[in-house]
């Protein structure tokens, strides 16, 4: 196995103090959110992305609105989420060809995965249109199904190890731990190995 990398995901924006702390503590990557219009307070900004990148820490992009129950997952929502993810990636300066993870943040049943969630991810893939690699965040069963269907290239295993298929899933690129406060951020620790879709952005002069 490739070297294990130490990272975190957070809904809190990283300021200069937090970034300096993350560097000192040896973190390799920070996962931050593209949340579109429904949860815009979580959104990664271009200035934050540049601050993190300038410190030598990789970014991971994760798109999440209210994906915590089955009614969210429709073809129309998949198309909308893909369009919002593309818009936000462009605004941040995320290089094309890197990854955007999409979340299934609940314990989906096998029939839900095979039905609505697969249809949602087909719409996401169509909307992304090859501009970015697609990652999936969720249970082991969700990750397995989306990888096997070719609807995701990267898998991020949720911290909820009691979820469907999670205890036996080992084909992850990122694995999430239980919530902690890290450098003043509301965060979850994460491990990653090999290629996991991380990226950095280039500072633009105004």
Foldseek 3Di string as FASTA:
>chain_A
DFDKFKEWEFLDQDDLLLLVQCVVVRHAEYEFELEFPQCCSSADALVSLQSNVVSNHWYAYEYDHPLADLVCQALVNLLVSLVSVVVSCVRNAPQFAFEYEYENRYQDDPVSLVPRVVSSLVSNCVNPVRRYAYEYEEALSNRVVCVVVVSHDAYEYEQPCVGPNRVPRDRHQKYWHDWDQRSNGGIIMMMGGDRHRIDGHDDDDD
